[in-house]
Protein backbone atom coordinates (compact mmCIF):
# COMPACT_ATOMS: atom_id res chain seq x y z
CA UNK A 1 -15.95 14.69 105.86
CA UNK A 2 -15.42 17.19 103.01
CA UNK A 3 -17.55 15.10 100.77
CA UNK A 4 -20.36 14.99 103.33
CA UNK A 5 -20.30 18.78 103.75
CA UNK A 6 -20.38 19.29 100.01
CA UNK A 7 -23.24 16.89 99.70
CA UNK A 8 -25.14 18.65 102.47
CA UNK A 9 -24.62 22.03 100.78
CA UNK A 10 -25.95 20.77 97.52
CA UNK A 11 -28.95 19.23 99.18
CA UNK A 12 -29.80 22.63 100.66
CA UNK A 13 -30.21 24.24 97.21
CA UNK A 14 -33.89 23.81 96.56
CA UNK A 15 -33.78 24.60 92.85
CA UNK A 16 -31.34 21.78 92.21
CA UNK A 17 -32.42 19.11 94.72
CA UNK A 18 -34.33 17.05 92.24
CA UNK A 19 -31.68 17.49 89.51
CA UNK A 20 -28.45 16.42 91.30
CA UNK A 21 -27.46 12.76 91.51
CA UNK A 22 -24.94 10.87 93.71
CA UNK A 23 -22.90 7.97 92.54
CA UNK A 24 -20.56 5.62 94.40
CA UNK A 25 -18.17 3.03 93.01
CA UNK A 26 -14.64 1.61 92.99
CA UNK A 27 -12.00 3.14 90.75
CA UNK A 28 -9.40 1.19 88.80
CA UNK A 29 -7.29 0.62 91.94
CA UNK A 30 -10.26 -0.78 93.92
CA UNK A 31 -10.78 2.22 96.17
CA UNK A 32 -14.26 3.51 96.91
CA UNK A 33 -15.03 6.82 95.15
CA UNK A 34 -18.09 9.07 95.53
CA UNK A 35 -19.12 11.37 92.57
CA UNK A 36 -22.18 13.42 91.65
CA UNK A 37 -23.45 15.42 88.66
CA UNK A 38 -25.35 18.69 88.41
CA UNK A 39 -26.95 19.76 85.00
CA UNK A 40 -25.92 23.15 83.65
CA UNK A 41 -28.64 25.76 84.03
CA UNK A 42 -27.38 27.53 80.84
CA UNK A 43 -26.07 25.00 78.27
CA UNK A 44 -28.37 22.42 76.79
CA UNK A 45 -25.47 20.21 75.73
CA UNK A 46 -21.70 20.31 76.03
CA UNK A 47 -19.67 21.12 72.84
CA UNK A 48 -17.46 18.39 71.44
CA UNK A 49 -13.88 18.65 72.69
CA UNK A 50 -12.43 18.63 69.17
CA UNK A 51 -14.76 21.29 67.72
CA UNK A 52 -12.34 24.32 67.97
CA UNK A 53 -9.53 22.35 66.33
CA UNK A 54 -11.81 21.17 63.49
CA UNK A 55 -12.96 24.73 62.79
CA UNK A 56 -9.38 25.99 62.71
CA UNK A 57 -8.44 23.18 60.34
CA UNK A 58 -11.35 24.09 58.02
CA UNK A 59 -10.17 27.72 57.90
CA UNK A 60 -6.64 26.64 57.05
CA UNK A 61 -7.87 24.29 54.32
CA UNK A 62 -9.97 27.10 52.82
CA UNK A 63 -6.98 29.45 52.68
CA UNK A 64 -4.85 26.69 51.13
CA UNK A 65 -7.50 25.98 48.45
CA UNK A 66 -7.67 29.67 47.56
CA UNK A 67 -3.89 29.87 47.10
CA UNK A 68 -3.84 26.71 44.97
CA UNK A 69 -6.69 28.12 42.80
CA UNK A 70 -4.79 31.40 42.22
CA UNK A 71 -1.58 29.64 41.27
CA UNK A 72 -3.05 26.97 39.00
CA UNK A 73 -5.76 29.09 37.35
CA UNK A 74 -8.48 26.59 38.27
CA UNK A 75 -11.88 27.69 39.52
CA UNK A 76 -11.60 26.50 43.12
CA UNK A 77 -13.81 28.72 45.21
CA UNK A 78 -12.64 29.95 48.61
CA UNK A 79 -15.09 29.40 51.42
CA UNK A 80 -17.57 31.93 52.68
CA UNK A 81 -16.90 35.61 52.11
CA UNK A 82 -13.50 35.04 50.51
CA UNK A 83 -15.06 33.95 47.16
CA UNK A 84 -15.26 37.46 45.69
CA UNK A 85 -11.68 38.32 46.64
CA UNK A 86 -10.47 35.05 45.14
CA UNK A 87 -12.28 35.74 41.86
CA UNK A 88 -10.74 39.19 41.60
CA UNK A 89 -7.26 37.86 42.34
CA UNK A 90 -7.69 35.14 39.73
CA UNK A 91 -8.88 37.63 37.10
CA UNK A 92 -5.92 39.94 37.79
CA UNK A 93 -3.48 37.07 37.47
CA UNK A 94 -5.10 35.96 34.18
CA UNK A 95 -4.90 39.52 32.79
CA UNK A 96 -1.26 39.76 33.74
CA UNK A 97 -0.57 36.44 32.04
CA UNK A 98 -2.39 37.54 28.87
CA UNK A 99 -0.42 40.79 28.75
CA UNK A 100 2.84 38.93 29.19
CA UNK A 101 1.98 36.52 26.36
CA UNK A 102 0.98 39.40 24.06
CA UNK A 103 4.16 41.34 24.83
CA UNK A 104 6.21 38.22 24.19
CA UNK A 105 4.55 37.78 20.78
CA UNK A 106 5.23 41.42 19.89
CA UNK A 107 8.84 41.12 20.93
CA UNK A 108 9.22 37.92 18.92
CA UNK A 109 7.78 39.62 15.81
CA UNK A 110 10.07 42.61 16.28
CA UNK A 111 13.02 40.27 16.64
CA UNK A 112 12.15 38.49 13.37
CA UNK A 113 11.74 41.83 11.56
CA UNK A 114 15.11 43.05 12.79
CA UNK A 115 16.72 39.79 11.68
CA UNK A 116 15.28 40.22 8.18
CA UNK A 117 16.47 43.81 7.98
CA UNK A 118 19.90 42.82 9.19
CA UNK A 119 20.12 40.09 6.55
CA UNK A 120 19.08 42.54 3.81
CA UNK A 121 21.67 45.06 5.02
CA UNK A 122 24.34 42.38 5.06
CA UNK A 123 23.51 41.43 1.46
CA UNK A 124 23.56 45.08 0.41
CA UNK A 125 26.90 45.65 2.15
CA UNK A 126 28.34 42.60 0.45
CA UNK A 127 27.13 43.85 -2.92
CA UNK A 128 28.64 47.28 -2.25
CA UNK A 129 31.89 45.64 -1.16
CA UNK A 130 32.10 43.66 -4.40
CA UNK A 131 31.25 46.76 -6.42
CA UNK A 132 33.94 48.76 -4.61
CA UNK A 133 36.48 46.01 -5.21
CA UNK A 134 35.56 45.86 -8.87
CA UNK A 135 35.89 49.64 -9.28
CA UNK A 136 39.20 49.59 -7.43
CA UNK A 137 40.62 47.02 -9.83
CA UNK A 138 39.36 48.82 -12.93
CA UNK A 139 42.01 51.07 -14.53
CA UNK A 140 41.26 54.77 -14.73
CA UNK A 141 39.66 55.60 -18.09
CA UNK A 142 41.71 57.60 -20.54
CA UNK A 143 38.81 58.31 -22.87
CA UNK A 144 36.66 61.44 -22.80
CA UNK A 145 33.84 61.57 -20.29
CA UNK A 146 30.62 59.75 -21.10
CA UNK A 147 27.67 61.77 -22.40
CA UNK A 148 25.43 63.37 -19.79
CA UNK A 149 22.43 61.48 -18.45
CA UNK A 150 20.06 64.15 -19.83
CA UNK A 151 21.18 64.85 -23.42
CA UNK A 152 19.58 67.51 -25.52
CA UNK A 153 16.24 66.50 -26.96
CA UNK A 154 17.11 66.83 -30.66
CA UNK A 155 20.85 66.23 -30.71
CA UNK A 156 22.21 64.49 -33.81
CA UNK A 157 22.73 60.73 -33.57
CA UNK A 158 26.22 59.68 -32.57
CA UNK A 159 26.34 56.93 -35.20
CA UNK A 160 26.92 58.18 -38.75
CA UNK A 161 24.07 57.69 -41.18
CA UNK A 162 26.43 57.21 -44.12
CA UNK A 163 26.27 53.67 -45.41
CA UNK A 164 22.75 53.10 -44.10
CA UNK A 165 21.63 51.04 -47.01
CA UNK A 166 19.63 47.84 -47.29
CA UNK A 167 20.11 44.58 -45.41
CA UNK A 168 21.70 42.07 -47.75
CA UNK A 169 22.32 38.99 -45.66
CA UNK A 170 22.29 37.55 -42.12
CA UNK A 171 25.03 35.21 -40.93
CA UNK A 172 24.88 32.00 -38.94
CA UNK A 173 23.73 32.30 -35.30
CA UNK A 174 26.51 32.35 -32.67
CA UNK A 175 25.56 31.16 -29.17
CA UNK A 176 26.85 33.14 -26.20
CA UNK A 177 24.99 31.60 -23.28
CA UNK A 178 22.23 29.16 -22.35
CA UNK A 179 19.78 30.24 -19.64
CA UNK A 180 19.95 28.41 -16.31
CA UNK A 181 16.28 27.55 -15.72
CA UNK A 182 12.74 27.73 -17.09
CA UNK A 183 12.56 31.48 -16.41
CA UNK A 184 15.03 31.90 -19.26
CA UNK A 185 13.07 30.08 -21.96
CA UNK A 186 12.53 33.49 -23.50
CA UNK A 187 13.83 36.95 -22.66
CA UNK A 188 15.76 39.95 -23.96
CA UNK A 189 19.45 40.88 -23.96
CA UNK A 190 21.01 44.11 -25.17
CA UNK A 191 23.81 46.68 -25.10
CA UNK A 192 23.58 50.46 -24.82
CA UNK A 193 24.98 52.16 -27.95
CA UNK A 194 25.55 55.36 -25.94
CA UNK A 195 26.21 54.24 -22.34
CA UNK A 196 26.19 56.60 -19.37
CA UNK A 197 28.61 56.43 -16.45
CA UNK A 198 29.17 54.36 -14.34
CA UNK A 199 28.47 51.76 -17.04
CA UNK A 200 30.91 51.31 -19.88
CA UNK A 201 30.46 50.45 -23.57
CA UNK A 202 31.11 46.73 -23.05
CA UNK A 203 28.34 46.28 -20.49
CA UNK A 204 25.73 43.69 -21.47
CA UNK A 205 22.26 43.48 -19.93
CA UNK A 206 19.80 40.59 -19.72
CA UNK A 207 16.19 40.08 -18.56
CA UNK A 208 14.47 36.71 -18.18
CA UNK A 209 10.85 37.43 -19.11
CA UNK A 210 9.01 34.24 -18.10
CA UNK A 211 6.59 34.95 -15.24
CA UNK A 212 4.08 37.55 -14.10
CA UNK A 213 6.41 39.70 -11.98
CA UNK A 214 9.43 40.34 -14.22
CA UNK A 215 11.56 42.92 -12.41
CA UNK A 216 15.21 41.79 -12.41
CA UNK A 217 17.74 43.37 -14.77
CA UNK A 218 21.14 41.62 -14.80
CA UNK A 219 24.27 43.47 -15.90
CA UNK A 220 27.55 41.89 -17.06
CA UNK A 221 30.96 43.54 -17.57
CA UNK A 222 31.23 42.14 -21.09
CA UNK A 223 30.23 39.22 -23.32
CA UNK A 224 32.76 36.94 -21.65
CA UNK A 225 31.20 37.49 -18.22
CA UNK A 226 27.77 36.96 -19.75
CA UNK A 227 28.86 33.61 -21.15
CA UNK A 228 30.23 32.62 -17.72
CA UNK A 229 27.04 33.73 -15.97
CA UNK A 230 28.71 36.21 -13.57
CA UNK A 231 26.61 39.40 -13.30
CA UNK A 232 28.31 42.43 -11.77
CA UNK A 233 25.04 44.30 -11.22
CA UNK A 234 21.43 43.35 -10.50
CA UNK A 235 18.77 46.07 -10.62
CA UNK A 236 15.20 45.64 -9.38
CA UNK A 237 12.69 47.48 -11.56
CA UNK A 238 9.95 49.40 -9.76
CA UNK A 239 7.30 48.40 -12.32
CA UNK A 240 7.01 44.86 -13.70
CA UNK A 241 7.94 44.36 -17.34
CA UNK A 242 5.88 42.66 -20.02
CA UNK A 243 7.30 40.52 -22.81
CA UNK A 244 10.55 40.81 -24.78
CA UNK A 245 10.26 44.31 -26.28
CA UNK A 246 12.67 46.19 -23.97
CA UNK A 247 15.72 48.11 -25.21
CA UNK A 248 18.60 50.30 -23.93
CA UNK A 249 19.48 53.81 -25.06
CA UNK A 250 21.55 56.64 -23.57
CA UNK A 251 21.75 55.20 -20.08
CA UNK A 252 18.07 54.24 -19.79
CA UNK A 253 16.09 51.03 -20.06
CA UNK A 254 12.90 51.43 -22.09
CA UNK A 255 10.12 48.89 -21.60
CA UNK A 256 6.36 48.28 -21.53
CA UNK A 257 4.72 48.06 -18.12
CA UNK A 258 2.87 44.81 -17.53
CA UNK A 259 -0.87 44.76 -18.33
CA UNK A 260 -0.83 48.25 -19.84
CA UNK A 261 0.18 50.31 -22.87
CA UNK A 262 2.38 52.46 -20.61
CA UNK A 263 6.00 52.92 -21.67
CA UNK A 264 8.63 53.46 -18.97
CA UNK A 265 12.09 55.04 -19.08
CA UNK A 266 14.21 53.73 -16.22
CA UNK A 267 17.57 55.45 -15.63
CA UNK A 268 20.20 52.84 -14.80
CA UNK A 269 22.63 55.14 -12.96
CA UNK A 270 20.01 56.75 -10.70
CA UNK A 271 17.93 53.55 -10.47
CA UNK A 272 14.61 55.36 -10.77
CA UNK A 273 11.79 55.93 -13.25
CA UNK A 274 12.54 59.09 -15.21
CA UNK A 275 9.45 59.09 -17.46
CA UNK A 276 6.30 57.13 -18.16
CA UNK A 277 3.70 57.67 -20.87
CA UNK A 278 0.94 55.71 -22.56
CA UNK A 279 1.51 54.81 -26.20
CA UNK A 280 -1.73 56.17 -27.76
CA UNK A 281 -4.26 53.48 -28.76
CA UNK A 282 -1.63 50.70 -28.69
CA UNK A 283 -2.85 47.17 -28.11
CA UNK A 284 -1.45 45.36 -25.10
CA UNK A 285 -1.43 42.01 -23.28
CA UNK A 286 -2.25 39.83 -26.24
CA UNK A 287 -4.36 42.13 -28.44
CA UNK A 288 -1.82 42.44 -31.28
CA UNK A 289 1.17 40.18 -30.60
CA UNK A 290 3.65 38.59 -32.98
CA UNK A 291 2.75 35.10 -34.19
CA UNK A 292 4.70 33.37 -31.39
CA UNK A 293 2.56 35.10 -28.73
CA UNK A 294 4.20 36.07 -25.47
CA UNK A 295 2.19 39.33 -25.12
CA UNK A 296 4.53 40.93 -27.68
CA UNK A 297 2.14 43.77 -28.47
CA UNK A 298 4.71 46.57 -28.09
CA UNK A 299 8.27 46.07 -29.38
CA UNK A 300 10.79 48.85 -28.69
CA UNK A 301 13.91 49.27 -30.82
CA UNK A 302 16.95 51.53 -31.25
CA UNK A 303 18.87 52.27 -34.42
CA UNK A 304 20.91 55.07 -36.02
CA UNK A 305 17.87 57.35 -36.10
CA UNK A 306 16.71 56.95 -32.50
CA UNK A 307 14.07 55.17 -30.39
CA UNK A 308 11.19 53.31 -32.06
CA UNK A 309 8.01 51.47 -31.11
CA UNK A 310 6.49 48.69 -33.25
CA UNK A 311 2.86 47.89 -32.36
CA UNK A 312 -0.71 47.97 -33.67
CA UNK A 313 -4.05 49.60 -32.88
CA UNK A 314 -7.72 48.88 -33.34
CA UNK A 315 -7.86 51.63 -35.97
CA UNK A 316 -5.04 49.91 -37.90
CA UNK A 317 -6.94 46.61 -37.55
CA UNK A 318 -3.83 44.68 -36.51
CA UNK A 319 -1.49 46.10 -39.15
CA UNK A 320 1.97 47.09 -37.90
CA UNK A 321 2.34 50.72 -36.80
CA UNK A 322 5.83 52.24 -36.45
CA UNK A 323 6.35 55.30 -34.25
CA UNK A 324 9.49 57.36 -33.65
CA UNK A 325 9.59 58.35 -29.94
CA UNK A 326 11.20 61.18 -28.03
CA UNK A 327 13.82 59.40 -25.88
CA UNK A 328 13.28 61.74 -22.92
CA UNK A 329 9.52 62.25 -22.73
CA UNK A 330 8.39 59.15 -24.70
CA UNK A 331 6.09 61.33 -26.81
CA UNK A 332 5.33 60.13 -30.33
CA UNK A 333 7.12 62.33 -32.87
CA UNK A 334 5.82 60.64 -36.01
CA UNK A 335 4.00 57.43 -36.98
CA UNK A 336 3.73 55.19 -40.04
CA UNK A 337 1.06 52.54 -40.73
CA UNK A 338 2.21 49.57 -42.81
CA UNK A 339 0.21 47.05 -44.83
CA UNK A 340 1.51 43.90 -43.10
CA UNK A 341 -0.36 42.34 -40.21
CA UNK A 342 1.59 42.00 -36.98
CA UNK A 343 0.22 38.55 -36.16
CA UNK A 344 1.45 37.22 -39.52
CA UNK A 345 5.15 37.64 -38.65
CA UNK A 346 7.29 36.17 -35.88
CA UNK A 347 9.29 39.29 -35.00
CA UNK A 348 10.79 42.50 -36.33
CA UNK A 349 13.86 44.75 -36.01
CA UNK A 350 14.80 48.21 -37.29
CA UNK A 351 18.07 49.22 -39.01
CA UNK A 352 18.67 52.71 -40.44
CA UNK A 353 14.98 53.60 -40.20
CA UNK A 354 13.90 50.45 -42.05
CA UNK A 355 11.76 47.81 -40.35
CA UNK A 356 12.40 44.17 -41.26
CA UNK A 357 10.07 41.29 -40.32
CA UNK A 358 10.93 37.61 -39.79
CA UNK A 359 8.54 35.03 -41.22
CA UNK A 360 8.80 32.23 -38.62
CA UNK A 361 10.07 31.85 -35.06
CA UNK A 362 10.30 28.03 -35.16
CA UNK A 363 11.31 26.99 -38.68
CA UNK A 364 15.06 26.25 -38.69
CA UNK A 365 15.38 27.82 -42.16
CA UNK A 366 13.15 30.88 -42.15
CA UNK A 367 13.37 34.19 -44.04
CA UNK A 368 13.23 37.92 -43.52
CA UNK A 369 10.15 38.49 -45.65
CA UNK A 370 9.24 42.19 -45.54
CA UNK A 371 10.87 45.62 -45.23
CA UNK A 372 9.27 49.02 -44.64
CA UNK A 373 11.27 52.21 -45.20
CA UNK A 374 10.14 55.13 -43.05
CA UNK A 375 12.13 57.50 -45.26
CA UNK A 376 9.96 56.75 -48.28
CA UNK A 377 6.87 55.40 -46.44
CA UNK A 378 6.98 52.37 -48.73
CA UNK A 379 7.08 48.65 -47.98
CA UNK A 380 7.97 45.61 -50.07
CA UNK A 381 8.44 41.87 -49.84
CA UNK A 382 11.96 40.46 -49.57
CA UNK A 383 13.49 37.03 -49.02
CA UNK A 384 16.67 36.99 -46.92
CA UNK A 385 17.58 33.64 -45.30
CA UNK A 386 17.36 33.58 -41.50
CA UNK A 387 18.04 30.59 -39.21
CA UNK A 388 16.25 29.69 -35.98
CA UNK A 389 18.90 27.29 -34.69
CA UNK A 390 16.98 26.29 -31.53
CA UNK A 391 13.50 26.61 -33.07
CA UNK A 392 11.80 29.03 -30.64
CA UNK A 393 13.00 32.55 -31.37
CA UNK A 394 11.20 34.98 -29.06
CA UNK A 395 13.33 38.14 -29.45
CA UNK A 396 15.21 39.63 -32.42
CA UNK A 397 16.70 43.14 -32.19
CA UNK A 398 19.33 45.17 -33.98
CA UNK A 399 22.24 45.99 -31.67
CA UNK A 400 23.52 49.40 -32.69
CA UNK A 401 26.44 48.97 -30.29
CA UNK A 402 27.64 45.78 -32.05
CA UNK A 403 26.03 46.35 -35.48
CA UNK A 404 24.69 42.81 -35.23
CA UNK A 405 21.37 41.14 -34.55
CA UNK A 406 20.76 39.90 -31.01
CA UNK A 407 18.21 37.10 -30.49
CA UNK A 408 16.84 34.85 -27.73
CA UNK A 409 16.21 31.41 -29.19
CA UNK A 410 14.74 28.78 -26.82
CA UNK A 411 16.92 29.44 -23.72
CA UNK A 412 19.90 30.50 -25.89
CA UNK A 413 21.31 34.02 -26.28
CA UNK A 414 22.62 34.25 -29.86
CA UNK A 415 23.92 36.90 -32.24
CA UNK A 416 24.04 37.20 -36.05
CA UNK A 417 26.50 39.10 -38.21
CA UNK A 418 24.80 41.18 -40.88
CA UNK A 419 25.86 42.63 -44.22
CA UNK A 420 24.46 45.94 -45.47
CA UNK A 421 24.66 47.63 -48.83
CA UNK A 422 26.91 50.72 -48.88
CA UNK A 423 28.30 49.78 -45.45
CA UNK A 424 31.04 52.08 -44.19
CA UNK A 425 34.56 50.75 -44.55
CA UNK A 426 35.88 48.88 -41.51
């Protein structure tokens, strides 16, 4: 009955009479069922049942892709209007990562620098500890105090000039040490005839002069420690040294600065440069060397009369020039020009104001072949036997402290006894 009334009501609606349809059929249980359909006056077609769920799923997938893109740094683009926000978020994350990496690099560099400084401080502390231990073991000196580090400019020489005669003979070479490596093929070793505290009269100094940056000065307590190779002090020179012409006098190291005619006075106690001055017109770096080479253009020496420089100039045309220097300011007090060419001799040394030259640096049986006396301004040929035991003698100097000749012969540090006329009694 209800179905008939409903059907009658629908049939009465004129605007839908020709659109409604009636259908009759059995359901799954076999019962008769009536049904009808009426088209929607508003919707053209019905939406799919799963459409809302699909749209929600798309939104969720878009959000998930945006998060994955931000975390992985890839260029996944969020859907729709979220693309700009995703780009900004990605850029901010990349900037933060770059800053973190840069800060990490800076911190790593700072860490390495601090490690280097700590290592240097540890080495310095160890050196100071050894120095303190050495000073603690040393007995208190009973001798008068050492001369001041800044003596008067024209004070009389400590060594007496009596007995300063002529060189008569040179003894056999005595070896004290062989250098450890190629840097010691040639060099210079010396003693200070008037040492300044804290260094005593037995202190021996050595410089290996092979290389372009020669800066290390090694100090030994005495000849025994030198022979054993145990330095008690290592100083680092501020200016690099050139060749084997260095010497020691009154607490200072005197040497030629590399690639220049500049002379330097380096105070050992204070460890600083006390004076520097150009030697006027002096040749340098191979212009007027000794015959063995080695950039030996300027050779400094010390004897009973003071500090000397042996060199040449363009004006002298390669002949040896001898100059007496002020030990404080390095000014030239007086000069002498000889008549022997510097390149014709292997080396030279000065005793009692007289310059002696050695004929050969390699011949095992050479001679001292020339002497020039600054007192008389006269030179003459001589013939005093001199031995190059190891056949490559790159440094020969008079040691006023030992009254011997010191030499550096092909890795070997050697000394020679000498005999002078009118020598003082010993």
